[in-house]
Structures are given as structure tokens and as C-alpha cells.
Amino acid sequence: MNLLQLIRESNMLTKTQMAHRLQISKSYYSMLEKGERRISLMVGKRLHEEFKVPLEDIF
């Protein structure tokens, strides 16, 4: 299980809800969660702000 999935499931969110909280499309979020794309600085910053994830855990 990767970091995004762990955060999403621990907050009991769907992929659609998680994408909305991060202000990205569901398809882009799914690619991130599967490891098909790398987390951008913008998305990493939102993860940090929304879910209090330390930046060093994201990058």
C-alpha cells in the first residue's frame, strides 16, 4: 500500500473525494496512487496542507 492509498483509506475517502480535496482529476489521482505518475510539488503541498503529511514523507 502506498502513501496516497494509506492517507485516503485512513480518512475513509473515495478516490473521487481524495482527488477533489487535492484539486486534481480522479484519473490523475488514480495514476498517482498506482505509481504511474510522480507527485508534483503542487499536489505534495496540498497533501501537506490538507492531511498534515510531512513534506519529507511525500518526496
N, C-alpha and C. Protein backbone atom coordinates (compact mmCIF):
# COMPACT_ATOMS: atom_id res chain seq x y z
N MET A 1 0.86 -1.18 0.00
CA MET A 1 0.00 0.00 0.00
C MET A 1 0.91 1.24 0.00
N ASN A 2 0.62 2.17 -0.88
CA ASN A 2 1.45 3.38 -0.94
C ASN A 2 0.89 4.49 -0.05
N LEU A 3 1.64 5.55 0.06
CA LEU A 3 1.29 6.66 0.96
C LEU A 3 -0.09 7.24 0.64
N LEU A 4 -0.36 7.50 -0.65
CA LEU A 4 -1.65 8.10 -1.02
C LEU A 4 -2.82 7.19 -0.62
N GLN A 5 -2.69 5.92 -0.91
CA GLN A 5 -3.75 4.98 -0.56
C GLN A 5 -3.93 4.91 0.95
N LEU A 6 -2.84 4.90 1.68
CA LEU A 6 -2.91 4.86 3.14
C LEU A 6 -3.63 6.09 3.69
N ILE A 7 -3.27 7.27 3.18
CA ILE A 7 -3.93 8.50 3.62
C ILE A 7 -5.41 8.47 3.28
N ARG A 8 -5.72 8.06 2.04
CA ARG A 8 -7.11 8.03 1.58
C ARG A 8 -7.94 7.07 2.42
N GLU A 9 -7.45 5.87 2.62
CA GLU A 9 -8.22 4.88 3.35
C GLU A 9 -8.33 5.21 4.84
N SER A 10 -7.29 5.78 5.42
CA SER A 10 -7.36 6.14 6.84
C SER A 10 -8.33 7.29 7.09
N ASN A 11 -8.59 8.09 6.04
CA ASN A 11 -9.58 9.17 6.14
C ASN A 11 -10.93 8.77 5.57
N MET A 12 -11.05 7.50 5.22
CA MET A 12 -12.29 6.92 4.68
C MET A 12 -12.83 7.74 3.50
N LEU A 13 -11.96 8.02 2.55
CA LEU A 13 -12.33 8.78 1.36
C LEU A 13 -12.31 7.89 0.13
N THR A 14 -13.17 8.20 -0.82
CA THR A 14 -13.10 7.54 -2.11
C THR A 14 -12.01 8.21 -2.94
N LYS A 15 -11.66 7.61 -4.05
CA LYS A 15 -10.67 8.23 -4.94
C LYS A 15 -11.20 9.57 -5.46
N THR A 16 -12.48 9.63 -5.74
CA THR A 16 -13.08 10.87 -6.22
C THR A 16 -13.00 11.96 -5.16
N GLN A 17 -13.31 11.62 -3.92
CA GLN A 17 -13.23 12.60 -2.83
C GLN A 17 -11.80 13.06 -2.60
N MET A 18 -10.86 12.13 -2.66
CA MET A 18 -9.45 12.48 -2.47
C MET A 18 -8.99 13.42 -3.57
N ALA A 19 -9.35 13.11 -4.81
CA ALA A 19 -8.98 13.97 -5.94
C ALA A 19 -9.56 15.37 -5.75
N HIS A 20 -10.79 15.44 -5.30
CA HIS A 20 -11.43 16.74 -5.07
C HIS A 20 -10.68 17.53 -4.00
N ARG A 21 -10.30 16.87 -2.91
CA ARG A 21 -9.56 17.56 -1.84
C ARG A 21 -8.21 18.06 -2.31
N LEU A 22 -7.60 17.33 -3.26
CA LEU A 22 -6.31 17.73 -3.80
C LEU A 22 -6.42 18.65 -5.02
N GLN A 23 -7.66 18.89 -5.44
CA GLN A 23 -7.96 19.76 -6.59
C GLN A 23 -7.33 19.24 -7.89
N ILE A 24 -7.46 17.93 -8.09
CA ILE A 24 -6.98 17.30 -9.32
C ILE A 24 -8.07 16.37 -9.84
N SER A 25 -7.92 15.89 -11.07
CA SER A 25 -8.92 14.98 -11.63
C SER A 25 -8.80 13.60 -10.99
N LYS A 26 -9.88 12.85 -11.04
CA LYS A 26 -9.87 11.49 -10.49
C LYS A 26 -8.90 10.62 -11.27
N SER A 27 -8.84 10.79 -12.57
CA SER A 27 -7.94 9.96 -13.37
C SER A 27 -6.48 10.24 -13.03
N TYR A 28 -6.14 11.52 -12.82
CA TYR A 28 -4.78 11.86 -12.42
C TYR A 28 -4.47 11.30 -11.04
N TYR A 29 -5.42 11.41 -10.12
CA TYR A 29 -5.22 10.86 -8.79
C TYR A 29 -4.98 9.35 -8.87
N SER A 30 -5.78 8.66 -9.67
CA SER A 30 -5.62 7.20 -9.81
C SER A 30 -4.22 6.85 -10.32
N MET A 31 -3.72 7.63 -11.28
CA MET A 31 -2.37 7.40 -11.79
C MET A 31 -1.32 7.61 -10.68
N LEU A 32 -1.52 8.62 -9.85
CA LEU A 32 -0.61 8.86 -8.73
C LEU A 32 -0.62 7.69 -7.76
N GLU A 33 -1.82 7.23 -7.42
CA GLU A 33 -1.94 6.15 -6.44
C GLU A 33 -1.34 4.85 -6.97
N LYS A 34 -1.45 4.61 -8.27
CA LYS A 34 -0.87 3.40 -8.88
C LYS A 34 0.62 3.52 -9.11
N GLY A 35 1.17 4.72 -8.94
CA GLY A 35 2.59 4.92 -9.17
C GLY A 35 2.94 5.16 -10.62
N GLU A 36 1.92 5.46 -11.45
CA GLU A 36 2.16 5.72 -12.87
C GLU A 36 2.65 7.14 -13.11
N ARG A 37 2.44 8.02 -12.16
CA ARG A 37 2.91 9.42 -12.22
C ARG A 37 3.56 9.75 -10.89
N ARG A 38 4.46 10.71 -10.93
CA ARG A 38 5.11 11.18 -9.70
C ARG A 38 4.30 12.35 -9.14
N ILE A 39 4.32 12.49 -7.83
CA ILE A 39 3.59 13.57 -7.18
C ILE A 39 4.28 14.89 -7.49
N SER A 40 3.52 15.83 -8.01
CA SER A 40 4.07 17.14 -8.33
C SER A 40 4.23 17.96 -7.05
N LEU A 41 4.98 19.02 -7.14
CA LEU A 41 5.17 19.91 -6.00
C LEU A 41 3.83 20.47 -5.53
N MET A 42 2.97 20.85 -6.47
CA MET A 42 1.67 21.41 -6.14
C MET A 42 0.82 20.40 -5.36
N VAL A 43 0.77 19.17 -5.84
CA VAL A 43 -0.03 18.14 -5.17
C VAL A 43 0.59 17.79 -3.82
N GLY A 44 1.90 17.73 -3.76
CA GLY A 44 2.58 17.47 -2.50
C GLY A 44 2.28 18.53 -1.46
N LYS A 45 2.26 19.77 -1.90
CA LYS A 45 1.93 20.89 -0.99
C LYS A 45 0.50 20.75 -0.48
N ARG A 46 -0.41 20.37 -1.35
CA ARG A 46 -1.81 20.19 -0.92
C ARG A 46 -1.95 19.02 0.05
N LEU A 47 -1.21 17.93 -0.20
CA LEU A 47 -1.23 16.80 0.74
C LEU A 47 -0.76 17.26 2.12
N HIS A 48 0.30 18.03 2.12
CA HIS A 48 0.86 18.55 3.37
C HIS A 48 -0.16 19.44 4.09
N GLU A 49 -0.81 20.32 3.36
CA GLU A 49 -1.76 21.25 3.96
C GLU A 49 -3.06 20.57 4.39
N GLU A 50 -3.59 19.69 3.55
CA GLU A 50 -4.88 19.04 3.82
C GLU A 50 -4.79 17.95 4.89
N PHE A 51 -3.71 17.16 4.82
CA PHE A 51 -3.64 15.97 5.66
C PHE A 51 -2.47 15.99 6.65
N LYS A 52 -1.76 17.13 6.71
CA LYS A 52 -0.64 17.30 7.66
C LYS A 52 0.45 16.24 7.48
N VAL A 53 0.68 15.84 6.23
CA VAL A 53 1.73 14.88 5.92
C VAL A 53 3.05 15.63 5.83
N PRO A 54 4.08 15.19 6.53
CA PRO A 54 5.38 15.86 6.43
C PRO A 54 5.90 15.82 4.99
N LEU A 55 6.44 16.92 4.52
CA LEU A 55 6.94 17.01 3.16
C LEU A 55 7.98 15.94 2.87
N GLU A 56 8.82 15.61 3.85
CA GLU A 56 9.85 14.59 3.61
C GLU A 56 9.26 13.20 3.38
N ASP A 57 8.03 12.96 3.85
CA ASP A 57 7.36 11.69 3.58
C ASP A 57 6.77 11.64 2.17
N ILE A 58 6.48 12.81 1.62
CA ILE A 58 5.86 12.90 0.29
C ILE A 58 6.91 12.77 -0.79
N PHE A 59 8.04 13.46 -0.60
CA PHE A 59 9.07 13.49 -1.64
C PHE A 59 10.24 12.69 -1.20
